[in-house]
Amino acid sequence: MDRLSIELKQDFENEENFLKRNSFFEKTDSVSVYLVSIRDYRLRSSLAPFEYVKNDIKRIIWNTRRFEFIQSLENGIYNEALKENNFKVFK
Protein backbone atom coordinates (compact mmCIF):
# COMPACT_ATOMS: atom_id res chain seq x y z
CA MET A 1 0.00 0.00 0.00
CA ASP A 2 2.92 2.34 0.64
CA ARG A 3 4.25 1.87 -2.86
CA LEU A 4 0.75 2.19 -4.32
CA SER A 5 0.27 5.46 -2.45
CA ILE A 6 3.54 6.79 -3.82
CA GLU A 7 2.92 5.66 -7.41
CA LEU A 8 -0.64 6.99 -7.53
CA LYS A 9 0.09 10.03 -5.36
CA GLN A 10 -2.94 9.32 -3.21
CA ASP A 11 -3.29 8.73 0.51
CA PHE A 12 -5.47 5.88 1.67
CA GLU A 13 -6.97 6.75 5.04
CA ASN A 14 -7.79 3.30 6.33
CA GLU A 15 -5.86 0.73 4.32
CA GLU A 16 -7.58 -2.28 5.89
CA ASN A 17 -11.08 -1.02 5.06
CA PHE A 18 -9.98 0.01 1.57
CA LEU A 19 -8.62 -3.48 0.86
CA LYS A 20 -11.71 -5.19 2.25
CA ARG A 21 -14.10 -3.05 0.15
CA ASN A 22 -12.18 -2.80 -3.12
CA SER A 23 -10.70 -5.43 -5.36
CA PHE A 24 -10.41 -2.96 -8.22
CA PHE A 25 -9.26 0.66 -8.13
CA GLU A 26 -9.17 3.30 -10.85
CA LYS A 27 -7.48 6.69 -10.79
CA THR A 28 -7.24 9.27 -13.53
CA ASP A 29 -4.96 12.26 -13.78
CA SER A 30 -4.32 14.72 -16.62
CA VAL A 31 -1.96 12.36 -18.45
CA SER A 32 -2.85 8.77 -17.56
CA VAL A 33 -5.44 6.36 -16.30
CA TYR A 34 -4.30 3.93 -13.58
CA LEU A 35 -6.11 0.62 -13.19
CA VAL A 36 -5.26 -1.52 -10.18
CA SER A 37 -6.60 -5.00 -9.58
CA ILE A 38 -6.06 -6.41 -6.08
CA ARG A 39 -6.13 -10.21 -6.22
CA ASP A 40 -4.86 -10.98 -2.75
CA TYR A 41 -3.46 -9.12 0.21
CA ARG A 42 -2.09 -9.67 3.68
CA LEU A 43 -2.15 -7.15 6.49
CA ARG A 44 1.08 -6.45 8.33
CA SER A 45 -0.34 -7.57 11.67
CA SER A 46 -1.52 -10.95 10.37
CA LEU A 47 0.43 -14.21 10.25
CA ALA A 48 2.29 -15.02 7.07
CA PRO A 49 1.19 -18.06 5.05
CA PHE A 50 3.32 -21.17 5.50
CA GLU A 51 4.52 -21.04 1.87
CA TYR A 52 6.13 -17.63 2.48
CA VAL A 53 8.06 -18.67 5.59
CA LYS A 54 8.80 -22.30 4.71
CA ASN A 55 12.38 -21.63 3.58
CA ASP A 56 13.05 -19.43 6.63
CA ILE A 57 11.87 -22.21 8.94
CA LYS A 58 14.10 -24.74 7.16
CA ARG A 59 17.08 -22.39 7.45
CA ILE A 60 16.46 -21.82 11.18
CA ILE A 61 16.21 -25.58 11.87
CA TRP A 62 19.33 -26.30 9.82
CA ASN A 63 21.35 -23.57 11.59
CA THR A 64 20.19 -24.78 15.01
CA ARG A 65 21.21 -28.37 14.24
CA ARG A 66 24.54 -27.20 12.81
CA PHE A 67 25.23 -25.11 15.92
CA GLU A 68 24.35 -28.04 18.23
CA PHE A 69 26.60 -30.38 16.21
CA ILE A 70 29.57 -27.99 16.36
CA GLN A 71 29.03 -27.44 20.09
CA SER A 72 28.87 -31.20 20.80
CA LEU A 73 31.99 -31.76 18.69
CA GLU A 74 33.91 -29.10 20.64
CA ASN A 75 32.71 -30.50 23.97
CA GLY A 76 33.68 -34.03 22.90
CA ILE A 77 37.18 -32.95 21.91
CA TYR A 78 37.59 -31.01 25.17
CA ASN A 79 36.31 -33.87 27.34
CA GLU A 80 38.52 -36.41 25.54
CA ALA A 81 41.57 -34.19 26.07
CA LEU A 82 40.70 -33.84 29.78
CA LYS A 83 40.30 -37.60 30.15
CA GLU A 84 43.66 -38.35 28.50
CA ASN A 85 45.35 -35.33 30.11
CA ASN A 86 46.45 -34.27 26.63
CA PHE A 87 46.16 -30.50 26.47
CA LYS A 88 48.30 -27.40 26.88
CA VAL A 89 47.43 -24.08 28.51
CA PHE A 90 48.73 -21.01 26.69
CA LYS A 91 49.23 -17.72 28.50
C-alpha atoms as a PDB file:
ATOM      1  CA  MET A   1       0.000   0.000   0.000  1.00  0.00           C
ATOM      2  CA  ASP A   2       2.921   2.338   0.645  1.00  0.00           C
ATOM      3  CA  ARG A   3       4.249   1.874  -2.860  1.00  0.00           C
ATOM      4  CA  LEU A   4       0.752   2.187  -4.324  1.00  0.00           C
ATOM      5  CA  SER A   5       0.274   5.460  -2.452  1.00  0.00           C
ATOM      6  CA  ILE A   6       3.542   6.792  -3.823  1.00  0.00           C
ATOM      7  CA  GLU A   7       2.921   5.662  -7.408  1.00  0.00           C
ATOM      8  CA  LEU A   8      -0.645   6.989  -7.533  1.00  0.00           C
ATOM      9  CA  LYS A   9       0.091  10.029  -5.356  1.00  0.00           C
ATOM     10  CA  GLN A  10      -2.936   9.322  -3.210  1.00  0.00           C
ATOM     11  CA  ASP A  11      -3.293   8.728   0.506  1.00  0.00           C
ATOM     12  CA  PHE A  12      -5.466   5.875   1.666  1.00  0.00           C
ATOM     13  CA  GLU A  13      -6.969   6.754   5.036  1.00  0.00           C
ATOM     14  CA  ASN A  14      -7.795   3.302   6.327  1.00  0.00           C
ATOM     15  CA  GLU A  15      -5.860   0.729   4.324  1.00  0.00           C
ATOM     16  CA  GLU A  16      -7.581  -2.276   5.888  1.00  0.00           C
ATOM     17  CA  ASN A  17     -11.076  -1.020   5.055  1.00  0.00           C
ATOM     18  CA  PHE A  18      -9.978   0.006   1.573  1.00  0.00           C
ATOM     19  CA  LEU A  19      -8.619  -3.481   0.856  1.00  0.00           C
ATOM     20  CA  LYS A  20     -11.713  -5.185   2.248  1.00  0.00           C
ATOM     21  CA  ARG A  21     -14.100  -3.053   0.154  1.00  0.00           C
ATOM     22  CA  ASN A  22     -12.177  -2.805  -3.117  1.00  0.00           C
ATOM     23  CA  SER A  23     -10.696  -5.431  -5.364  1.00  0.00           C
ATOM     24  CA  PHE A  24     -10.410  -2.959  -8.217  1.00  0.00           C
ATOM     25  CA  PHE A  25      -9.260   0.660  -8.133  1.00  0.00           C
ATOM     26  CA  GLU A  26      -9.174   3.296 -10.855  1.00  0.00           C
ATOM     27  CA  LYS A  27      -7.482   6.688 -10.789  1.00  0.00           C
ATOM     28  CA  THR A  28      -7.237   9.267 -13.530  1.00  0.00           C
ATOM     29  CA  ASP A  29      -4.965  12.259 -13.779  1.00  0.00           C
ATOM     30  CA  SER A  30      -4.323  14.723 -16.617  1.00  0.00           C
ATOM     31  CA  VAL A  31      -1.959  12.361 -18.449  1.00  0.00           C
ATOM     32  CA  SER A  32      -2.848   8.771 -17.560  1.00  0.00           C
ATOM     33  CA  VAL A  33      -5.440   6.365 -16.295  1.00  0.00           C
ATOM     34  CA  TYR A  34      -4.304   3.926 -13.580  1.00  0.00           C
ATOM     35  CA  LEU A  35      -6.113   0.622 -13.191  1.00  0.00           C
ATOM     36  CA  VAL A  36      -5.261  -1.515 -10.178  1.00  0.00           C
ATOM     37  CA  SER A  37      -6.598  -5.004  -9.578  1.00  0.00           C
ATOM     38  CA  ILE A  38      -6.059  -6.415  -6.081  1.00  0.00           C
ATOM     39  CA  ARG A  39      -6.132 -10.205  -6.224  1.00  0.00           C
ATOM     40  CA  ASP A  40      -4.864 -10.976  -2.754  1.00  0.00           C
ATOM     41  CA  TYR A  41      -3.456  -9.118   0.208  1.00  0.00           C
ATOM     42  CA  ARG A  42      -2.090  -9.674   3.681  1.00  0.00           C
ATOM     43  CA  LEU A  43      -2.150  -7.154   6.489  1.00  0.00           C
ATOM     44  CA  ARG A  44       1.078  -6.451   8.334  1.00  0.00           C
ATOM     45  CA  SER A  45      -0.336  -7.567  11.671  1.00  0.00           C
ATOM     46  CA  SER A  46      -1.516 -10.954  10.370  1.00  0.00           C
ATOM     47  CA  LEU A  47       0.427 -14.211  10.250  1.00  0.00           C
ATOM     48  CA  ALA A  48       2.292 -15.024   7.066  1.00  0.00           C
ATOM     49  CA  PRO A  49       1.188 -18.061   5.054  1.00  0.00           C
ATOM     50  CA  PHE A  50       3.316 -21.169   5.496  1.00  0.00           C
ATOM     51  CA  GLU A  51       4.521 -21.044   1.873  1.00  0.00           C
ATOM     52  CA  TYR A  52       6.125 -17.628   2.477  1.00  0.00           C
ATOM     53  CA  VAL A  53       8.058 -18.669   5.595  1.00  0.00           C
ATOM     54  CA  LYS A  54       8.798 -22.301   4.712  1.00  0.00           C
ATOM     55  CA  ASN A  55      12.382 -21.630   3.575  1.00  0.00           C
ATOM     56  CA  ASP A  56      13.055 -19.425   6.625  1.00  0.00           C
ATOM     57  CA  ILE A  57      11.872 -22.210   8.938  1.00  0.00           C
ATOM     58  CA  LYS A  58      14.096 -24.741   7.156  1.00  0.00           C
ATOM     59  CA  ARG A  59      17.082 -22.388   7.454  1.00  0.00           C
ATOM     60  CA  ILE A  60      16.461 -21.818  11.180  1.00  0.00           C
ATOM     61  CA  ILE A  61      16.206 -25.576  11.869  1.00  0.00           C
ATOM     62  CA  TRP A  62      19.329 -26.298   9.822  1.00  0.00           C
ATOM     63  CA  ASN A  63      21.346 -23.573  11.585  1.00  0.00           C
ATOM     64  CA  THR A  64      20.189 -24.781  15.010  1.00  0.00           C
ATOM     65  CA  ARG A  65      21.208 -28.366  14.235  1.00  0.00           C
ATOM     66  CA  ARG A  66      24.538 -27.197  12.813  1.00  0.00           C
ATOM     67  CA  PHE A  67      25.228 -25.107  15.920  1.00  0.00           C
ATOM     68  CA  GLU A  68      24.353 -28.036  18.228  1.00  0.00           C
ATOM     69  CA  PHE A  69      26.601 -30.384  16.209  1.00  0.00           C
ATOM     70  CA  ILE A  70      29.574 -27.992  16.364  1.00  0.00           C
ATOM     71  CA  GLN A  71      29.033 -27.443  20.088  1.00  0.00           C
ATOM     72  CA  SER A  72      28.868 -31.204  20.804  1.00  0.00           C
ATOM     73  CA  LEU A  73      31.987 -31.757  18.693  1.00  0.00           C
ATOM     74  CA  GLU A  74      33.911 -29.096  20.639  1.00  0.00           C
ATOM     75  CA  ASN A  75      32.709 -30.497  23.966  1.00  0.00           C
ATOM     76  CA  GLY A  76      33.676 -34.030  22.898  1.00  0.00           C
ATOM     77  CA  ILE A  77      37.185 -32.952  21.911  1.00  0.00           C
ATOM     78  CA  TYR A  78      37.587 -31.006  25.169  1.00  0.00           C
ATOM     79  CA  ASN A  79      36.310 -33.874  27.344  1.00  0.00           C
ATOM     80  CA  GLU A  80      38.515 -36.412  25.544  1.00  0.00           C
ATOM     81  CA  ALA A  81      41.570 -34.195  26.065  1.00  0.00           C
ATOM     82  CA  LEU A  82      40.704 -33.837  29.782  1.00  0.00           C
ATOM     83  CA  LYS A  83      40.304 -37.598  30.149  1.00  0.00           C
ATOM     84  CA  GLU A  84      43.662 -38.345  28.503  1.00  0.00           C
ATOM     85  CA  ASN A  85      45.347 -35.325  30.108  1.00  0.00           C
ATOM     86  CA  ASN A  86      46.448 -34.266  26.632  1.00  0.00           C
ATOM     87  CA  PHE A  87      46.159 -30.499  26.472  1.00  0.00           C
ATOM     88  CA  LYS A  88      48.296 -27.396  26.876  1.00  0.00           C
ATOM     89  CA  VAL A  89      47.426 -24.076  28.510  1.00  0.00           C
ATOM     90  CA  PHE A  90      48.732 -21.006  26.693  1.00  0.00           C
ATOM     91  CA  LYS A  91      49.230 -17.716  28.497  1.00  0.00           C
END
